[in-house]
Amino acid sequence: MSIDWQSFRLTIELALVVSAILFAVGLPLGWWIAFSRWRWKFFVEALVALPIVLPPTVLGFYVLVALGSQSPLGRWWQSLTGHTLAFTFSGLVIGSILYSLPFAVQPFAASFSSVDRKLLAASATLGASPLRTFFRVVVPLSVPGLVTGVVLAFAHTMGEFGVVLMIGGNIPGVTRTASISIYDQVQASNYASANAMALLLLIFCFAVLTVVYALNRRTPNQKLWTIDPAK
């Protein structure tokens, strides 16, 4: 019985990179979904939520085609770097961002929507710009939702299988994630090693989610916003 630490470290690295990018991308997108009055906004909401109901192999296939050498993006990247994005760690990052997007954006948007509009109006009355209001009022009051979105994206990326297999294949040290390693061990009838890796993932993800729920229980009792948004 042995644990494939290389694939486990690669999975954590992938999850950290994807979570950081989704945090940066999800903040403005979640804000727009929460406050936009555009008539056709529901199309964007449906597009963001699509990976939740779309089979991972379908999403993985189309991302693979988009990143391949026959696509404009693939040809541009190949001319720039000498290789395609498919079957690389960068390709895994792109696919994982698309697959985990709703798990970050939806909690962000829900948290932003729950902010009292009177506070936003008061901030504007005090002369704060929309950007300052966002970072001084909305973000501090939305901390539980932001933390939840980032952690859900992280945990979801940790458990990906279909998308990463379609886009990255099974290259040791490059694209072989923990879930693919478990699949390989099962295919080889090495159930003891598969169980060890699966148990490690189970304990790790459970610990992460436990910390998040514990923090979210404490946050409502704390005074998150004590700064004058106009300063």
C-alpha atoms as a PDB file:
ATOM      1  CA  MET A   1       0.000   0.000   0.000  1.00  0.00           C
ATOM      2  CA  SER A   2       1.380   3.402  -0.995  1.00  0.00           C
ATOM      3  CA  ILE A   3       0.162   6.928  -1.568  1.00  0.00           C
ATOM      4  CA  ASP A   4       0.939   8.736  -4.803  1.00  0.00           C
ATOM      5  CA  TRP A   5       2.202  11.945  -3.179  1.00  0.00           C
ATOM      6  CA  GLN A   6       3.235  13.403  -6.525  1.00  0.00           C
ATOM      7  CA  SER A   7      -0.333  13.385  -7.840  1.00  0.00           C
ATOM      8  CA  PHE A   8      -1.642  14.648  -4.497  1.00  0.00           C
ATOM      9  CA  ARG A   9       0.750  17.631  -4.547  1.00  0.00           C
ATOM     10  CA  LEU A  10      -0.171  18.337  -8.155  1.00  0.00           C
ATOM     11  CA  THR A  11      -3.863  18.293  -7.236  1.00  0.00           C
ATOM     12  CA  ILE A  12      -3.347  20.758  -4.392  1.00  0.00           C
ATOM     13  CA  GLU A  13      -1.298  23.024  -6.666  1.00  0.00           C
ATOM     14  CA  LEU A  14      -4.037  22.907  -9.304  1.00  0.00           C
ATOM     15  CA  ALA A  15      -6.749  23.649  -6.741  1.00  0.00           C
ATOM     16  CA  LEU A  16      -4.812  26.595  -5.288  1.00  0.00           C
ATOM     17  CA  VAL A  17      -4.161  28.159  -8.702  1.00  0.00           C
ATOM     18  CA  VAL A  18      -7.766  27.679  -9.841  1.00  0.00           C
ATOM     19  CA  SER A  19      -9.178  29.068  -6.575  1.00  0.00           C
ATOM     20  CA  ALA A  20      -6.987  32.172  -6.770  1.00  0.00           C
ATOM     21  CA  ILE A  21      -8.002  32.867 -10.380  1.00  0.00           C
ATOM     22  CA  LEU A  22     -11.681  32.234  -9.654  1.00  0.00           C
ATOM     23  CA  PHE A  23     -11.528  34.641  -6.724  1.00  0.00           C
ATOM     24  CA  ALA A  24     -10.158  37.376  -8.990  1.00  0.00           C
ATOM     25  CA  VAL A  25     -12.602  36.608 -11.800  1.00  0.00           C
ATOM     26  CA  GLY A  26     -15.564  35.797  -9.580  1.00  0.00           C
ATOM     27  CA  LEU A  27     -15.587  39.062  -7.624  1.00  0.00           C
ATOM     28  CA  PRO A  28     -16.522  41.356 -10.552  1.00  0.00           C
ATOM     29  CA  LEU A  29     -18.708  38.685 -12.170  1.00  0.00           C
ATOM     30  CA  GLY A  30     -20.566  38.007  -8.920  1.00  0.00           C
ATOM     31  CA  TRP A  31     -21.003  41.745  -8.365  1.00  0.00           C
ATOM     32  CA  TRP A  32     -22.424  42.171 -11.867  1.00  0.00           C
ATOM     33  CA  ILE A  33     -24.865  39.278 -11.427  1.00  0.00           C
ATOM     34  CA  ALA A  34     -26.001  40.616  -8.062  1.00  0.00           C
ATOM     35  CA  PHE A  35     -26.552  44.230  -9.103  1.00  0.00           C
ATOM     36  CA  SER A  36     -26.981  44.346 -12.866  1.00  0.00           C
ATOM     37  CA  ARG A  37     -30.414  45.303 -14.190  1.00  0.00           C
ATOM     38  CA  TRP A  38     -29.732  44.109 -17.714  1.00  0.00           C
ATOM     39  CA  ARG A  39     -32.875  42.548 -19.154  1.00  0.00           C
ATOM     40  CA  TRP A  40     -31.094  39.452 -20.491  1.00  0.00           C
ATOM     41  CA  LYS A  41     -28.932  38.826 -17.434  1.00  0.00           C
ATOM     42  CA  PHE A  42     -30.459  35.380 -16.989  1.00  0.00           C
ATOM     43  CA  PHE A  43     -28.532  34.176 -20.062  1.00  0.00           C
ATOM     44  CA  VAL A  44     -25.257  34.942 -18.284  1.00  0.00           C
ATOM     45  CA  GLU A  45     -26.521  33.303 -15.087  1.00  0.00           C
ATOM     46  CA  ALA A  46     -27.468  30.179 -17.038  1.00  0.00           C
ATOM     47  CA  LEU A  47     -24.085  30.108 -18.757  1.00  0.00           C
ATOM     48  CA  VAL A  48     -22.259  30.390 -15.436  1.00  0.00           C
ATOM     49  CA  ALA A  49     -24.370  27.607 -13.912  1.00  0.00           C
ATOM     50  CA  LEU A  50     -24.086  25.303 -16.947  1.00  0.00           C
ATOM     51  CA  PRO A  51     -21.097  23.262 -15.640  1.00  0.00           C
ATOM     52  CA  ILE A  52     -23.216  22.131 -12.675  1.00  0.00           C
ATOM     53  CA  VAL A  53     -25.578  20.131 -14.911  1.00  0.00           C
ATOM     54  CA  LEU A  54     -23.300  19.493 -17.902  1.00  0.00           C
ATOM     55  CA  PRO A  55     -21.585  16.071 -17.929  1.00  0.00           C
ATOM     56  CA  PRO A  56     -17.845  16.560 -17.230  1.00  0.00           C
ATOM     57  CA  THR A  57     -16.912  14.600 -20.349  1.00  0.00           C
ATOM     58  CA  VAL A  58     -18.951  16.960 -22.532  1.00  0.00           C
ATOM     59  CA  LEU A  59     -17.304  20.045 -21.062  1.00  0.00           C
ATOM     60  CA  GLY A  60     -13.911  18.354 -21.194  1.00  0.00           C
ATOM     61  CA  PHE A  61     -14.368  17.397 -24.842  1.00  0.00           C
ATOM     62  CA  TYR A  62     -15.238  20.906 -25.987  1.00  0.00           C
ATOM     63  CA  VAL A  63     -12.441  22.456 -23.931  1.00  0.00           C
ATOM     64  CA  LEU A  64     -10.047  19.908 -25.441  1.00  0.00           C
ATOM     65  CA  VAL A  65     -11.195  20.886 -28.938  1.00  0.00           C
ATOM     66  CA  ALA A  66     -10.834  24.577 -28.082  1.00  0.00           C
ATOM     67  CA  LEU A  67      -7.297  24.055 -26.777  1.00  0.00           C
ATOM     68  CA  GLY A  68      -6.175  21.684 -29.526  1.00  0.00           C
ATOM     69  CA  SER A  69      -3.831  22.458 -32.381  1.00  0.00           C
ATOM     70  CA  GLN A  70      -6.721  22.868 -34.845  1.00  0.00           C
ATOM     71  CA  SER A  71      -8.367  25.734 -32.957  1.00  0.00           C
ATOM     72  CA  PRO A  72      -7.356  29.418 -33.270  1.00  0.00           C
ATOM     73  CA  LEU A  73      -6.431  29.537 -29.582  1.00  0.00           C
ATOM     74  CA  GLY A  74      -4.421  26.325 -29.844  1.00  0.00           C
ATOM     75  CA  ARG A  75      -2.554  27.502 -32.947  1.00  0.00           C
ATOM     76  CA  TRP A  76      -1.799  30.867 -31.350  1.00  0.00           C
ATOM     77  CA  TRP A  77      -0.498  29.258 -28.174  1.00  0.00           C
ATOM     78  CA  GLN A  78       1.567  26.749 -30.157  1.00  0.00           C
ATOM     79  CA  SER A  79       3.168  29.514 -32.209  1.00  0.00           C
ATOM     80  CA  LEU A  80       3.961  31.342 -28.983  1.00  0.00           C
ATOM     81  CA  THR A  81       5.267  28.456 -26.870  1.00  0.00           C
ATOM     82  CA  GLY A  82       5.963  25.608 -29.280  1.00  0.00           C
ATOM     83  CA  HIS A  83       3.306  23.302 -27.812  1.00  0.00           C
ATOM     84  CA  THR A  84      -0.469  23.199 -27.445  1.00  0.00           C
ATOM     85  CA  LEU A  85      -2.401  23.798 -24.246  1.00  0.00           C
ATOM     86  CA  ALA A  86      -3.936  20.323 -24.350  1.00  0.00           C
ATOM     87  CA  PHE A  87      -2.274  17.745 -22.084  1.00  0.00           C
ATOM     88  CA  THR A  88      -0.459  20.399 -20.059  1.00  0.00           C
ATOM     89  CA  PHE A  89      -0.897  21.790 -16.551  1.00  0.00           C
ATOM     90  CA  SER A  90      -1.997  25.121 -18.051  1.00  0.00           C
ATOM     91  CA  GLY A  91      -4.722  23.301 -19.957  1.00  0.00           C
ATOM     92  CA  LEU A  92      -5.872  21.673 -16.720  1.00  0.00           C
ATOM     93  CA  VAL A  93      -6.093  25.116 -15.110  1.00  0.00           C
ATOM     94  CA  ILE A  94      -8.285  26.468 -17.919  1.00  0.00           C
ATOM     95  CA  GLY A  95     -10.609  23.478 -17.862  1.00  0.00           C
ATOM     96  CA  SER A  96     -10.835  23.502 -14.067  1.00  0.00           C
ATOM     97  CA  ILE A  97     -11.675  27.215 -14.022  1.00  0.00           C
ATOM     98  CA  LEU A  98     -14.616  26.634 -16.355  1.00  0.00           C
ATOM     99  CA  TYR A  99     -15.770  23.554 -14.458  1.00  0.00           C
ATOM    100  CA  SER A 100     -15.579  25.157 -10.989  1.00  0.00           C
ATOM    101  CA  LEU A 101     -16.786  28.624 -12.033  1.00  0.00           C
ATOM    102  CA  PRO A 102     -20.358  28.341 -10.637  1.00  0.00           C
ATOM    103  CA  PHE A 103     -19.107  27.033  -7.293  1.00  0.00           C
ATOM    104  CA  ALA A 104     -17.310  30.330  -6.753  1.00  0.00           C
ATOM    105  CA  VAL A 105     -19.500  32.856  -8.562  1.00  0.00           C
ATOM    106  CA  GLN A 106     -22.881  31.758  -7.199  1.00  0.00           C
ATOM    107  CA  PRO A 107     -21.907  32.089  -3.493  1.00  0.00           C
ATOM    108  CA  PHE A 108     -20.239  35.419  -4.305  1.00  0.00           C
ATOM    109  CA  ALA A 109     -23.359  36.753  -6.038  1.00  0.00           C
ATOM    110  CA  ALA A 110     -25.688  35.486  -3.301  1.00  0.00           C
ATOM    111  CA  SER A 111     -23.537  37.120  -0.636  1.00  0.00           C
ATOM    112  CA  PHE A 112     -23.385  40.435  -2.512  1.00  0.00           C
ATOM    113  CA  SER A 113     -27.158  40.386  -3.009  1.00  0.00           C
ATOM    114  CA  SER A 114     -27.721  40.073   0.740  1.00  0.00           C
ATOM    115  CA  VAL A 115     -25.918  43.364   1.492  1.00  0.00           C
ATOM    116  CA  ASP A 116     -28.351  46.040   2.642  1.00  0.00           C
ATOM    117  CA  ARG A 117     -28.841  48.545  -0.183  1.00  0.00           C
ATOM    118  CA  LYS A 118     -29.199  51.326   2.399  1.00  0.00           C
ATOM    119  CA  LEU A 119     -25.518  50.908   3.266  1.00  0.00           C
ATOM    120  CA  LEU A 120     -24.582  51.347  -0.392  1.00  0.00           C
ATOM    121  CA  ALA A 121     -26.725  54.469  -0.618  1.00  0.00           C
ATOM    122  CA  ALA A 122     -25.156  55.826   2.575  1.00  0.00           C
ATOM    123  CA  SER A 123     -21.674  55.186   1.219  1.00  0.00           C
ATOM    124  CA  ALA A 124     -22.518  57.039  -2.004  1.00  0.00           C
ATOM    125  CA  THR A 125     -23.960  59.924   0.030  1.00  0.00           C
ATOM    126  CA  LEU A 126     -20.677  60.189   1.922  1.00  0.00           C
ATOM    127  CA  GLY A 127     -18.889  60.621  -1.400  1.00  0.00           C
ATOM    128  CA  ALA A 128     -17.351  57.176  -1.787  1.00  0.00           C
ATOM    129  CA  SER A 129     -16.817  55.930  -5.319  1.00  0.00           C
ATOM    130  CA  PRO A 130     -18.443  52.639  -6.410  1.00  0.00           C
ATOM    131  CA  LEU A 131     -15.053  50.913  -6.272  1.00  0.00           C
ATOM    132  CA  ARG A 132     -14.341  52.176  -2.754  1.00  0.00           C
ATOM    133  CA  THR A 133     -17.844  51.180  -1.671  1.00  0.00           C
ATOM    134  CA  PHE A 134     -17.266  47.714  -3.047  1.00  0.00           C
ATOM    135  CA  PHE A 135     -14.032  47.144  -1.129  1.00  0.00           C
ATOM    136  CA  ARG A 136     -14.984  49.058   2.047  1.00  0.00           C
ATOM    137  CA  VAL A 137     -18.614  48.008   2.402  1.00  0.00           C
ATOM    138  CA  VAL A 138     -19.653  45.099   0.180  1.00  0.00           C
ATOM    139  CA  VAL A 139     -16.577  42.877   0.517  1.00  0.00           C
ATOM    140  CA  PRO A 140     -16.288  43.061   4.345  1.00  0.00           C
ATOM    141  CA  LEU A 141     -19.997  42.284   4.714  1.00  0.00           C
ATOM    142  CA  SER A 142     -19.728  39.396   2.255  1.00  0.00           C
ATOM    143  CA  VAL A 143     -16.773  37.589   3.835  1.00  0.00           C
ATOM    144  CA  PRO A 144     -18.690  34.370   4.698  1.00  0.00           C
ATOM    145  CA  GLY A 145     -19.948  34.014   1.117  1.00  0.00           C
ATOM    146  CA  LEU A 146     -16.540  34.795  -0.348  1.00  0.00           C
ATOM    147  CA  VAL A 147     -14.829  32.231   1.859  1.00  0.00           C
ATOM    148  CA  THR A 148     -17.483  29.647   1.019  1.00  0.00           C
ATOM    149  CA  GLY A 149     -17.111  30.254  -2.726  1.00  0.00           C
ATOM    150  CA  VAL A 150     -13.320  29.977  -2.674  1.00  0.00           C
ATOM    151  CA  VAL A 151     -13.354  26.812  -0.577  1.00  0.00           C
ATOM    152  CA  LEU A 152     -16.074  25.172  -2.666  1.00  0.00           C
ATOM    153  CA  ALA A 153     -14.063  25.914  -5.817  1.00  0.00           C
ATOM    154  CA  PHE A 154     -10.955  24.509  -4.138  1.00  0.00           C
ATOM    155  CA  ALA A 155     -12.682  21.322  -2.953  1.00  0.00           C
ATOM    156  CA  HIS A 156     -14.466  20.845  -6.274  1.00  0.00           C
ATOM    157  CA  THR A 157     -11.184  21.113  -8.153  1.00  0.00           C
ATOM    158  CA  MET A 158      -9.593  18.599  -5.781  1.00  0.00           C
ATOM    159  CA  GLY A 159     -12.184  16.003  -6.783  1.00  0.00           C
ATOM    160  CA  GLU A 160     -12.282  16.568 -10.550  1.00  0.00           C
ATOM    161  CA  PHE A 161     -11.968  13.522 -12.763  1.00  0.00           C
ATOM    162  CA  GLY A 162     -13.752  13.629 -16.111  1.00  0.00           C
ATOM    163  CA  VAL A 163     -12.667  17.112 -17.152  1.00  0.00           C
ATOM    164  CA  VAL A 164      -9.012  16.727 -16.178  1.00  0.00           C
ATOM    165  CA  LEU A 165      -8.818  13.297 -17.809  1.00  0.00           C
ATOM    166  CA  MET A 166     -10.241  14.613 -21.087  1.00  0.00           C
ATOM    167  CA  ILE A 167      -8.023  17.697 -21.180  1.00  0.00           C
ATOM    168  CA  GLY A 168      -4.826  16.489 -19.543  1.00  0.00           C
ATOM    169  CA  GLY A 169      -4.755  12.759 -20.012  1.00  0.00           C
ATOM    170  CA  ASN A 170      -2.649  10.833 -17.521  1.00  0.00           C
ATOM    171  CA  ILE A 171       0.902  12.180 -17.552  1.00  0.00           C
ATOM    172  CA  PRO A 172       2.792  11.569 -14.265  1.00  0.00           C
ATOM    173  CA  GLY A 173       3.975  14.795 -12.658  1.00  0.00           C
ATOM    174  CA  VAL A 174       2.205  16.927 -15.272  1.00  0.00           C
ATOM    175  CA  THR A 175      -1.499  16.100 -15.473  1.00  0.00           C
ATOM    176  CA  ARG A 176      -2.050  13.029 -13.293  1.00  0.00           C
ATOM    177  CA  THR A 177      -4.211  14.274 -10.433  1.00  0.00           C
ATOM    178  CA  ALA A 178      -5.243  12.372  -7.303  1.00  0.00           C
ATOM    179  CA  SER A 179      -8.575  11.249  -8.733  1.00  0.00           C
ATOM    180  CA  ILE A 180      -6.894   9.860 -11.844  1.00  0.00           C
ATOM    181  CA  SER A 181      -4.310   8.123  -9.667  1.00  0.00           C
ATOM    182  CA  ILE A 182      -7.121   6.432  -7.726  1.00  0.00           C
ATOM    183  CA  TYR A 183      -8.697   5.313 -10.995  1.00  0.00           C
ATOM    184  CA  ASP A 184      -5.364   3.867 -12.162  1.00  0.00           C
ATOM    185  CA  GLN A 185      -4.941   1.925  -8.920  1.00  0.00           C
ATOM    186  CA  VAL A 186      -8.441   0.482  -9.204  1.00  0.00           C
ATOM    187  CA  GLN A 187      -7.842  -0.509 -12.819  1.00  0.00           C
ATOM    188  CA  ALA A 188      -4.683  -2.295 -11.684  1.00  0.00           C
ATOM    189  CA  SER A 189      -6.656  -4.028  -8.886  1.00  0.00           C
ATOM    190  CA  ASN A 190      -4.419  -2.299  -6.337  1.00  0.00           C
ATOM    191  CA  TYR A 191      -7.282  -1.557  -3.976  1.00  0.00           C
ATOM    192  CA  ALA A 192      -5.114  -0.940  -0.916  1.00  0.00           C
ATOM    193  CA  SER A 193      -3.306   1.984  -2.574  1.00  0.00           C
ATOM    194  CA  ALA A 194      -6.567   3.284  -4.053  1.00  0.00           C
ATOM    195  CA  ASN A 195      -8.135   3.188  -0.600  1.00  0.00           C
ATOM    196  CA  ALA A 196      -5.170   5.022   0.941  1.00  0.00           C
ATOM    197  CA  MET A 197      -5.355   7.827  -1.627  1.00  0.00           C
ATOM    198  CA  ALA A 198      -9.149   8.040  -1.433  1.00  0.00           C
ATOM    199  CA  LEU A 199      -9.024   8.181   2.364  1.00  0.00           C
ATOM    200  CA  LEU A 200      -6.405  10.939   2.227  1.00  0.00           C
ATOM    201  CA  LEU A 201      -8.632  13.015  -0.079  1.00  0.00           C
ATOM    202  CA  LEU A 202     -11.665  12.340   2.102  1.00  0.00           C
ATOM    203  CA  ILE A 203      -9.922  13.480   5.283  1.00  0.00           C
ATOM    204  CA  PHE A 204      -8.352  16.515   3.599  1.00  0.00           C
ATOM    205  CA  CYS A 205     -11.586  17.785   2.031  1.00  0.00           C
ATOM    206  CA  PHE A 206     -13.572  17.100   5.200  1.00  0.00           C
ATOM    207  CA  ALA A 207     -11.034  19.090   7.244  1.00  0.00           C
ATOM    208  CA  VAL A 208     -11.201  22.036   4.840  1.00  0.00           C
ATOM    209  CA  LEU A 209     -15.010  22.130   4.866  1.00  0.00           C
ATOM    210  CA  THR A 210     -15.100  21.786   8.656  1.00  0.00           C
ATOM    211  CA  VAL A 211     -12.881  24.837   9.050  1.00  0.00           C
ATOM    212  CA  VAL A 212     -15.097  26.844   6.675  1.00  0.00           C
ATOM    213  CA  TYR A 213     -18.318  25.968   8.509  1.00  0.00           C
ATOM    214  CA  ALA A 214     -16.669  26.784  11.820  1.00  0.00           C
ATOM    215  CA  LEU A 215     -15.549  30.183  10.530  1.00  0.00           C
ATOM    216  CA  ASN A 216     -18.978  30.935   9.073  1.00  0.00           C
ATOM    217  CA  ARG A 217     -20.593  30.244  12.451  1.00  0.00           C
ATOM    218  CA  ARG A 218     -18.315  32.768  14.124  1.00  0.00           C
ATOM    219  CA  THR A 219     -18.430  35.486  11.464  1.00  0.00           C
ATOM    220  CA  PRO A 220     -22.038  36.735  12.050  1.00  0.00           C
ATOM    221  CA  ASN A 221     -21.114  37.507  15.667  1.00  0.00           C
ATOM    222  CA  GLN A 222     -18.213  39.694  14.617  1.00  0.00           C
ATOM    223  CA  LYS A 223     -18.388  43.332  13.616  1.00  0.00           C
ATOM    224  CA  LEU A 224     -17.058  43.107  10.083  1.00  0.00           C
ATOM    225  CA  TRP A 225     -17.492  46.722   9.032  1.00  0.00           C
ATOM    226  CA  THR A 226     -16.114  49.422  11.309  1.00  0.00           C
ATOM    227  CA  ILE A 227     -14.487  51.728   8.758  1.00  0.00           C
ATOM    228  CA  ASP A 228     -16.024  54.878   7.343  1.00  0.00           C
ATOM    229  CA  PRO A 229     -16.289  54.087   3.581  1.00  0.00           C
ATOM    230  CA  ALA A 230     -15.596  57.726   2.716  1.00  0.00           C
ATOM    231  CA  LYS A 231     -12.116  57.609   4.295  1.00  0.00           C
END
